[in-house]
Amino acid sequence: MKKLLAIPLVALVMGGAGFALGRYFFPPETTATATDPEETEGNGVLYKLPLGSLTFQVLQPTRILHIVIDLDVFVSDAAVYEQLGNTGGRARLRDTTIASVSDMAETILWVKTGEERTIDKVALAQQIVQKLHNSYPAVKSAQINQFLVSNKARQ
């Protein structure tokens, strides 16, 4: 008789514990965060899409640059945010960002020797947004969280 009562009791306790711990192991999806109201157009809210770290290798005449950028993109339209918030949409946005920044790095050669530490992150983020705006008009702003450059002499 005790065994018959212990089995459902253990199942209920373990199910409740699993449900409670599931919140810690699987946090809720990214929610929209508003940025500074002065930066938004009108009274709109900008939705944050973290793209993570992007790594590039740029070949220059005398050296090879390895660039790591940790980037967040801000979108103004909630419907576009929902489309880009899933795995496929974020991958497309990330691929477009990589192509845009790679193109900028190859054509402009915007990091000169010695300027790696003093590069203007805000101006660089604005250039990235201008490139992304052609493919994704809802992209209004970007924020560079981390910008690392290491260079190596080209042989």
N, C-alpha and C. Protein backbone atom coordinates (compact mmCIF):
# COMPACT_ATOMS: atom_id res chain seq x y z
N MET A 1 0.82 -1.19 0.00
CA MET A 1 0.00 0.00 0.00
C MET A 1 0.86 1.26 0.00
N LYS A 2 1.96 1.25 0.78
CA LYS A 2 2.84 2.39 0.84
C LYS A 2 3.52 2.62 -0.50
N LYS A 3 3.86 1.53 -1.20
CA LYS A 3 4.49 1.67 -2.51
C LYS A 3 3.54 2.33 -3.50
N LEU A 4 2.27 2.01 -3.42
CA LEU A 4 1.29 2.59 -4.34
C LEU A 4 1.11 4.09 -4.10
N LEU A 5 1.24 4.53 -2.88
CA LEU A 5 1.15 5.95 -2.58
C LEU A 5 2.46 6.68 -2.86
N ALA A 6 3.59 6.01 -2.71
CA ALA A 6 4.90 6.65 -2.90
C ALA A 6 5.15 6.98 -4.37
N ILE A 7 4.71 6.16 -5.29
CA ILE A 7 4.98 6.38 -6.71
C ILE A 7 4.33 7.68 -7.20
N PRO A 8 3.02 7.90 -7.00
CA PRO A 8 2.44 9.18 -7.46
C PRO A 8 2.99 10.37 -6.68
N LEU A 9 3.30 10.19 -5.40
CA LEU A 9 3.84 11.28 -4.60
C LEU A 9 5.21 11.70 -5.14
N VAL A 10 6.08 10.77 -5.46
CA VAL A 10 7.40 11.07 -6.02
C VAL A 10 7.24 11.74 -7.38
N ALA A 11 6.31 11.24 -8.20
CA ALA A 11 6.09 11.84 -9.52
C ALA A 11 5.62 13.29 -9.39
N LEU A 12 4.73 13.58 -8.46
CA LEU A 12 4.26 14.94 -8.26
C LEU A 12 5.38 15.86 -7.76
N VAL A 13 6.17 15.39 -6.82
CA VAL A 13 7.26 16.20 -6.28
C VAL A 13 8.31 16.46 -7.36
N MET A 14 8.69 15.45 -8.13
CA MET A 14 9.70 15.62 -9.17
C MET A 14 9.18 16.51 -10.30
N GLY A 15 7.91 16.38 -10.65
CA GLY A 15 7.33 17.25 -11.68
C GLY A 15 7.32 18.70 -11.26
N GLY A 16 6.96 18.96 -10.01
CA GLY A 16 6.97 20.33 -9.50
C GLY A 16 8.38 20.90 -9.43
N ALA A 17 9.33 20.09 -9.02
CA ALA A 17 10.71 20.55 -8.96
C ALA A 17 11.25 20.82 -10.37
N GLY A 18 10.90 19.96 -11.31
CA GLY A 18 11.34 20.18 -12.70
C GLY A 18 10.75 21.44 -13.29
N PHE A 19 9.48 21.69 -13.02
CA PHE A 19 8.83 22.90 -13.51
C PHE A 19 9.48 24.15 -12.91
N ALA A 20 9.76 24.11 -11.60
CA ALA A 20 10.36 25.27 -10.93
C ALA A 20 11.79 25.50 -11.41
N LEU A 21 12.57 24.45 -11.60
CA LEU A 21 13.95 24.61 -12.04
C LEU A 21 14.06 24.91 -13.54
N GLY A 22 13.02 24.61 -14.30
CA GLY A 22 13.03 24.89 -15.73
C GLY A 22 13.17 26.36 -16.03
N ARG A 23 12.67 27.21 -15.18
CA ARG A 23 12.82 28.65 -15.36
C ARG A 23 14.27 29.09 -15.30
N TYR A 24 15.08 28.39 -14.51
CA TYR A 24 16.49 28.74 -14.39
C TYR A 24 17.31 28.20 -15.56
N PHE A 25 16.95 27.01 -16.02
CA PHE A 25 17.71 26.40 -17.12
C PHE A 25 17.31 26.97 -18.48
N PHE A 26 16.06 27.36 -18.64
CA PHE A 26 15.57 27.91 -19.90
C PHE A 26 14.93 29.26 -19.61
N PRO A 27 15.73 30.35 -19.58
CA PRO A 27 15.17 31.67 -19.29
C PRO A 27 14.23 32.09 -20.42
N PRO A 28 13.33 33.02 -20.15
CA PRO A 28 12.40 33.47 -21.18
C PRO A 28 13.15 34.12 -22.34
N GLU A 29 12.50 34.16 -23.50
CA GLU A 29 13.12 34.75 -24.69
C GLU A 29 13.42 36.22 -24.45
N THR A 30 14.32 36.75 -25.28
CA THR A 30 14.72 38.15 -25.16
C THR A 30 13.51 39.05 -25.32
N THR A 31 13.36 39.97 -24.40
CA THR A 31 12.26 40.92 -24.49
C THR A 31 12.77 42.24 -25.02
N ALA A 32 11.86 43.04 -25.48
CA ALA A 32 12.23 44.35 -26.03
C ALA A 32 12.71 45.26 -24.92
N THR A 33 13.74 46.02 -25.21
CA THR A 33 14.23 46.99 -24.25
C THR A 33 14.26 48.35 -24.92
N ALA A 34 13.80 49.33 -24.23
CA ALA A 34 13.79 50.69 -24.79
C ALA A 34 15.13 51.34 -24.52
N THR A 35 15.59 52.13 -25.48
CA THR A 35 16.82 52.89 -25.29
C THR A 35 16.45 54.31 -24.93
N ASP A 36 17.41 55.18 -24.94
CA ASP A 36 17.21 56.58 -24.60
C ASP A 36 16.15 57.19 -25.52
N PRO A 37 15.11 57.82 -24.98
CA PRO A 37 14.04 58.36 -25.82
C PRO A 37 14.52 59.43 -26.80
N GLU A 38 15.62 60.12 -26.49
CA GLU A 38 16.12 61.13 -27.40
C GLU A 38 16.67 60.51 -28.68
N GLU A 39 17.10 59.25 -28.61
CA GLU A 39 17.67 58.59 -29.77
C GLU A 39 16.59 58.00 -30.68
N THR A 40 15.39 57.81 -30.18
CA THR A 40 14.34 57.20 -30.98
C THR A 40 13.65 58.25 -31.83
N GLU A 41 13.07 57.81 -32.92
CA GLU A 41 12.32 58.72 -33.77
C GLU A 41 10.90 58.81 -33.23
N GLY A 42 10.44 59.99 -32.96
CA GLY A 42 9.10 60.18 -32.39
C GLY A 42 9.07 59.62 -30.98
N ASN A 43 7.99 58.88 -30.67
CA ASN A 43 7.86 58.25 -29.36
C ASN A 43 8.03 56.75 -29.47
N GLY A 44 8.64 56.26 -30.56
CA GLY A 44 8.80 54.83 -30.77
C GLY A 44 9.78 54.21 -29.81
N VAL A 45 9.69 52.91 -29.73
CA VAL A 45 10.57 52.13 -28.88
C VAL A 45 11.51 51.35 -29.79
N LEU A 46 12.76 51.28 -29.42
CA LEU A 46 13.72 50.48 -30.17
C LEU A 46 13.89 49.13 -29.46
N TYR A 47 13.84 48.06 -30.23
CA TYR A 47 13.96 46.71 -29.70
C TYR A 47 15.39 46.21 -29.92
N LYS A 48 15.98 45.68 -28.88
CA LYS A 48 17.39 45.27 -28.92
C LYS A 48 17.52 43.83 -29.41
N LEU A 49 18.38 43.64 -30.43
CA LEU A 49 18.72 42.32 -30.94
C LEU A 49 20.23 42.11 -30.79
N PRO A 50 20.67 41.37 -29.79
CA PRO A 50 22.11 41.13 -29.67
C PRO A 50 22.56 40.14 -30.74
N LEU A 51 23.57 40.51 -31.51
CA LEU A 51 24.09 39.64 -32.56
C LEU A 51 25.28 38.82 -32.09
N GLY A 52 25.87 39.20 -30.98
CA GLY A 52 27.01 38.46 -30.47
C GLY A 52 28.32 38.91 -31.11
N SER A 53 29.32 38.09 -30.98
CA SER A 53 30.65 38.43 -31.49
C SER A 53 30.78 38.06 -32.96
N LEU A 54 31.30 38.99 -33.73
CA LEU A 54 31.57 38.78 -35.15
C LEU A 54 33.09 38.87 -35.33
N THR A 55 33.68 37.90 -36.01
CA THR A 55 35.12 37.87 -36.19
C THR A 55 35.46 38.00 -37.67
N PHE A 56 36.43 38.85 -37.99
CA PHE A 56 36.84 39.11 -39.37
C PHE A 56 38.35 39.01 -39.48
N GLN A 57 38.79 38.61 -40.64
CA GLN A 57 40.20 38.66 -40.97
C GLN A 57 40.33 39.57 -42.18
N VAL A 58 41.08 40.65 -42.04
CA VAL A 58 41.24 41.64 -43.09
C VAL A 58 42.69 41.62 -43.55
N LEU A 59 42.87 41.37 -44.83
CA LEU A 59 44.21 41.36 -45.41
C LEU A 59 44.54 42.74 -45.93
N GLN A 60 45.60 43.33 -45.40
CA GLN A 60 46.10 44.62 -45.85
C GLN A 60 47.46 44.42 -46.49
N PRO A 61 47.98 45.43 -47.19
CA PRO A 61 49.25 45.24 -47.90
C PRO A 61 50.42 44.79 -47.02
N THR A 62 50.52 45.30 -45.81
CA THR A 62 51.67 44.96 -44.97
C THR A 62 51.33 44.14 -43.73
N ARG A 63 50.05 43.92 -43.49
CA ARG A 63 49.68 43.20 -42.27
C ARG A 63 48.33 42.51 -42.44
N ILE A 64 48.02 41.65 -41.47
CA ILE A 64 46.74 40.96 -41.41
C ILE A 64 46.07 41.37 -40.11
N LEU A 65 44.85 41.87 -40.20
CA LEU A 65 44.09 42.27 -39.01
C LEU A 65 43.10 41.17 -38.64
N HIS A 66 43.01 40.90 -37.38
CA HIS A 66 41.96 40.03 -36.85
C HIS A 66 41.08 40.91 -35.98
N ILE A 67 39.83 41.08 -36.40
CA ILE A 67 38.92 42.00 -35.73
C ILE A 67 37.77 41.21 -35.10
N VAL A 68 37.47 41.51 -33.85
CA VAL A 68 36.33 40.92 -33.15
C VAL A 68 35.43 42.07 -32.71
N ILE A 69 34.17 42.03 -33.14
CA ILE A 69 33.19 43.05 -32.77
C ILE A 69 32.01 42.37 -32.09
N ASP A 70 31.66 42.82 -30.89
CA ASP A 70 30.45 42.37 -30.21
C ASP A 70 29.41 43.45 -30.45
N LEU A 71 28.32 43.11 -31.13
CA LEU A 71 27.39 44.10 -31.66
C LEU A 71 25.96 43.83 -31.23
N ASP A 72 25.25 44.89 -30.87
CA ASP A 72 23.81 44.85 -30.64
C ASP A 72 23.16 45.77 -31.67
N VAL A 73 22.05 45.33 -32.26
CA VAL A 73 21.32 46.11 -33.25
C VAL A 73 19.97 46.45 -32.66
N PHE A 74 19.49 47.69 -32.94
CA PHE A 74 18.20 48.14 -32.43
C PHE A 74 17.23 48.31 -33.59
N VAL A 75 16.05 47.70 -33.46
CA VAL A 75 15.04 47.69 -34.51
C VAL A 75 13.84 48.50 -34.03
N SER A 76 13.21 49.26 -34.94
CA SER A 76 12.12 50.14 -34.54
C SER A 76 10.74 49.51 -34.68
N ASP A 77 10.59 48.45 -35.45
CA ASP A 77 9.28 47.86 -35.73
C ASP A 77 9.12 46.55 -34.96
N ALA A 78 8.03 46.42 -34.22
CA ALA A 78 7.80 45.23 -33.41
C ALA A 78 7.62 43.99 -34.28
N ALA A 79 6.95 44.12 -35.43
CA ALA A 79 6.75 42.97 -36.32
C ALA A 79 8.08 42.48 -36.88
N VAL A 80 8.94 43.41 -37.26
CA VAL A 80 10.27 43.03 -37.77
C VAL A 80 11.09 42.42 -36.65
N TYR A 81 10.93 42.96 -35.45
CA TYR A 81 11.65 42.40 -34.30
C TYR A 81 11.25 40.94 -34.09
N GLU A 82 9.96 40.64 -34.22
CA GLU A 82 9.49 39.27 -34.06
C GLU A 82 10.05 38.37 -35.16
N GLN A 83 10.12 38.88 -36.40
CA GLN A 83 10.66 38.09 -37.51
C GLN A 83 12.15 37.83 -37.33
N LEU A 84 12.87 38.85 -36.88
CA LEU A 84 14.31 38.72 -36.71
C LEU A 84 14.69 38.08 -35.38
N GLY A 85 13.74 37.98 -34.47
CA GLY A 85 14.02 37.43 -33.15
C GLY A 85 14.18 35.92 -33.15
N ASN A 86 13.62 35.24 -34.18
CA ASN A 86 13.78 33.79 -34.21
C ASN A 86 15.15 33.42 -34.76
N THR A 87 15.46 32.16 -34.77
CA THR A 87 16.80 31.71 -35.15
C THR A 87 17.13 32.03 -36.60
N GLY A 88 16.20 31.78 -37.52
CA GLY A 88 16.46 32.04 -38.93
C GLY A 88 16.62 33.51 -39.25
N GLY A 89 15.78 34.34 -38.66
CA GLY A 89 15.86 35.78 -38.90
C GLY A 89 17.13 36.38 -38.35
N ARG A 90 17.52 35.94 -37.17
CA ARG A 90 18.75 36.46 -36.57
C ARG A 90 19.97 36.01 -37.37
N ALA A 91 19.93 34.80 -37.91
CA ALA A 91 21.05 34.31 -38.73
C ALA A 91 21.17 35.13 -40.02
N ARG A 92 20.02 35.46 -40.64
CA ARG A 92 20.06 36.28 -41.86
C ARG A 92 20.61 37.68 -41.56
N LEU A 93 20.16 38.27 -40.45
CA LEU A 93 20.65 39.60 -40.06
C LEU A 93 22.14 39.54 -39.74
N ARG A 94 22.56 38.50 -39.07
CA ARG A 94 23.98 38.33 -38.73
C ARG A 94 24.81 38.17 -40.00
N ASP A 95 24.34 37.37 -40.96
CA ASP A 95 25.07 37.19 -42.22
C ASP A 95 25.17 38.49 -42.99
N THR A 96 24.08 39.26 -43.02
CA THR A 96 24.11 40.55 -43.71
C THR A 96 25.08 41.51 -43.02
N THR A 97 25.11 41.48 -41.70
CA THR A 97 26.04 42.33 -40.94
C THR A 97 27.48 41.94 -41.23
N ILE A 98 27.76 40.65 -41.25
CA ILE A 98 29.12 40.18 -41.54
C ILE A 98 29.54 40.61 -42.94
N ALA A 99 28.64 40.45 -43.91
CA ALA A 99 28.97 40.85 -45.28
C ALA A 99 29.21 42.36 -45.37
N SER A 100 28.39 43.15 -44.68
CA SER A 100 28.53 44.60 -44.71
C SER A 100 29.84 45.05 -44.08
N VAL A 101 30.14 44.52 -42.90
CA VAL A 101 31.36 44.93 -42.20
C VAL A 101 32.59 44.43 -42.94
N SER A 102 32.52 43.25 -43.50
CA SER A 102 33.66 42.74 -44.28
C SER A 102 33.91 43.62 -45.49
N ASP A 103 32.83 44.02 -46.15
CA ASP A 103 32.97 44.91 -47.31
C ASP A 103 33.58 46.24 -46.89
N MET A 104 33.12 46.80 -45.78
CA MET A 104 33.68 48.05 -45.27
C MET A 104 35.16 47.89 -44.95
N ALA A 105 35.51 46.80 -44.31
CA ALA A 105 36.89 46.59 -43.90
C ALA A 105 37.80 46.39 -45.10
N GLU A 106 37.32 45.73 -46.13
CA GLU A 106 38.14 45.47 -47.31
C GLU A 106 38.30 46.71 -48.17
N THR A 107 37.25 47.50 -48.31
CA THR A 107 37.31 48.63 -49.23
C THR A 107 37.85 49.89 -48.59
N ILE A 108 37.46 50.17 -47.37
CA ILE A 108 37.85 51.42 -46.73
C ILE A 108 39.18 51.29 -45.99
N LEU A 109 39.47 50.08 -45.51
CA LEU A 109 40.64 49.87 -44.66
C LEU A 109 40.63 50.85 -43.48
N TRP A 110 39.54 50.84 -42.73
CA TRP A 110 39.25 51.86 -41.74
C TRP A 110 40.05 51.76 -40.46
N VAL A 111 40.88 50.76 -40.30
CA VAL A 111 41.72 50.69 -39.11
C VAL A 111 43.17 50.79 -39.57
N LYS A 112 43.78 51.92 -39.31
CA LYS A 112 45.17 52.13 -39.69
C LYS A 112 46.08 51.71 -38.55
N THR A 113 47.33 51.55 -38.84
CA THR A 113 48.30 51.13 -37.83
C THR A 113 48.32 52.13 -36.69
N GLY A 114 48.15 51.63 -35.47
CA GLY A 114 48.17 52.48 -34.29
C GLY A 114 46.81 53.04 -33.90
N GLU A 115 45.81 52.94 -34.76
CA GLU A 115 44.48 53.48 -34.45
C GLU A 115 43.54 52.45 -33.84
N GLU A 116 44.03 51.25 -33.58
CA GLU A 116 43.16 50.19 -33.08
C GLU A 116 42.53 50.54 -31.74
N ARG A 117 43.27 51.21 -30.89
CA ARG A 117 42.80 51.53 -29.54
C ARG A 117 41.91 52.77 -29.52
N THR A 118 42.05 53.66 -30.50
CA THR A 118 41.34 54.94 -30.45
C THR A 118 40.23 55.06 -31.49
N ILE A 119 39.79 53.95 -32.05
CA ILE A 119 38.74 54.02 -33.07
C ILE A 119 37.43 54.50 -32.44
N ASP A 120 36.70 55.31 -33.18
CA ASP A 120 35.43 55.86 -32.71
C ASP A 120 34.34 54.80 -32.92
N LYS A 121 33.91 54.17 -31.82
CA LYS A 121 32.92 53.09 -31.91
C LYS A 121 31.56 53.59 -32.36
N VAL A 122 31.20 54.81 -31.98
CA VAL A 122 29.90 55.36 -32.35
C VAL A 122 29.84 55.60 -33.86
N ALA A 123 30.90 56.18 -34.42
CA ALA A 123 30.94 56.42 -35.86
C ALA A 123 30.95 55.10 -36.63
N LEU A 124 31.67 54.11 -36.12
CA LEU A 124 31.70 52.81 -36.77
C LEU A 124 30.33 52.15 -36.73
N ALA A 125 29.64 52.26 -35.59
CA ALA A 125 28.28 51.70 -35.47
C ALA A 125 27.33 52.39 -36.45
N GLN A 126 27.47 53.71 -36.64
CA GLN A 126 26.63 54.42 -37.60
C GLN A 126 26.89 53.96 -39.02
N GLN A 127 28.14 53.69 -39.36
CA GLN A 127 28.46 53.17 -40.69
C GLN A 127 27.85 51.79 -40.91
N ILE A 128 27.87 50.96 -39.88
CA ILE A 128 27.27 49.63 -39.98
C ILE A 128 25.78 49.74 -40.17
N VAL A 129 25.13 50.65 -39.42
CA VAL A 129 23.68 50.84 -39.55
C VAL A 129 23.33 51.33 -40.95
N GLN A 130 24.12 52.22 -41.52
CA GLN A 130 23.86 52.70 -42.87
C GLN A 130 23.92 51.56 -43.88
N LYS A 131 24.87 50.66 -43.72
CA LYS A 131 24.97 49.51 -44.61
C LYS A 131 23.79 48.55 -44.42
N LEU A 132 23.39 48.31 -43.17
CA LEU A 132 22.29 47.39 -42.88
C LEU A 132 20.94 47.96 -43.28
N HIS A 133 20.83 49.29 -43.27
CA HIS A 133 19.54 49.94 -43.55
C HIS A 133 19.04 49.64 -44.96
N ASN A 134 19.95 49.34 -45.90
CA ASN A 134 19.52 49.00 -47.26
C ASN A 134 18.74 47.70 -47.29
N SER A 135 19.19 46.70 -46.53
CA SER A 135 18.52 45.40 -46.51
C SER A 135 17.41 45.33 -45.46
N TYR A 136 17.59 46.02 -44.36
CA TYR A 136 16.64 46.00 -43.24
C TYR A 136 16.30 47.44 -42.85
N PRO A 137 15.27 48.03 -43.46
CA PRO A 137 14.93 49.43 -43.16
C PRO A 137 14.54 49.68 -41.70
N ALA A 138 14.13 48.66 -40.98
CA ALA A 138 13.72 48.84 -39.59
C ALA A 138 14.91 48.98 -38.64
N VAL A 139 16.12 48.66 -39.10
CA VAL A 139 17.31 48.81 -38.26
C VAL A 139 17.61 50.30 -38.14
N LYS A 140 17.56 50.80 -36.93
CA LYS A 140 17.73 52.24 -36.69
C LYS A 140 19.02 52.59 -35.98
N SER A 141 19.57 51.67 -35.21
CA SER A 141 20.75 51.99 -34.42
C SER A 141 21.53 50.71 -34.13
N ALA A 142 22.78 50.89 -33.73
CA ALA A 142 23.62 49.76 -33.33
C ALA A 142 24.53 50.23 -32.20
N GLN A 143 24.97 49.27 -31.42
CA GLN A 143 25.87 49.57 -30.32
C GLN A 143 26.99 48.53 -30.34
N ILE A 144 28.23 49.02 -30.35
CA ILE A 144 29.38 48.13 -30.29
C ILE A 144 29.77 47.98 -28.83
N ASN A 145 29.63 46.77 -28.31
CA ASN A 145 29.96 46.51 -26.92
C ASN A 145 31.44 46.25 -26.73
N GLN A 146 32.06 45.62 -27.74
CA GLN A 146 33.47 45.27 -27.64
C GLN A 146 34.08 45.35 -29.04
N PHE A 147 35.26 45.91 -29.12
CA PHE A 147 35.98 46.01 -30.39
C PHE A 147 37.43 45.66 -30.12
N LEU A 148 37.86 44.51 -30.61
CA LEU A 148 39.23 44.05 -30.40
C LEU A 148 39.91 43.89 -31.75
N VAL A 149 41.15 44.36 -31.83
CA VAL A 149 41.93 44.22 -33.06
C VAL A 149 43.31 43.69 -32.68
N SER A 150 43.72 42.66 -33.39
CA SER A 150 45.11 42.22 -33.27
C SER A 150 45.68 42.17 -34.67
N ASN A 151 46.90 42.62 -34.82
CA ASN A 151 47.49 42.61 -36.16
C ASN A 151 48.75 41.77 -36.16
N LYS A 152 49.06 41.29 -37.35
CA LYS A 152 50.20 40.44 -37.54
C LYS A 152 50.85 40.84 -38.85
N ALA A 153 52.15 40.87 -38.88
CA ALA A 153 52.86 41.25 -40.12
C ALA A 153 52.58 40.20 -41.19
N ARG A 154 52.36 40.69 -42.39
CA ARG A 154 52.05 39.81 -43.50
C ARG A 154 53.35 39.32 -44.11
N GLN A 155 53.42 38.04 -44.39
CA GLN A 155 54.65 37.47 -44.94
C GLN A 155 54.50 37.13 -46.39
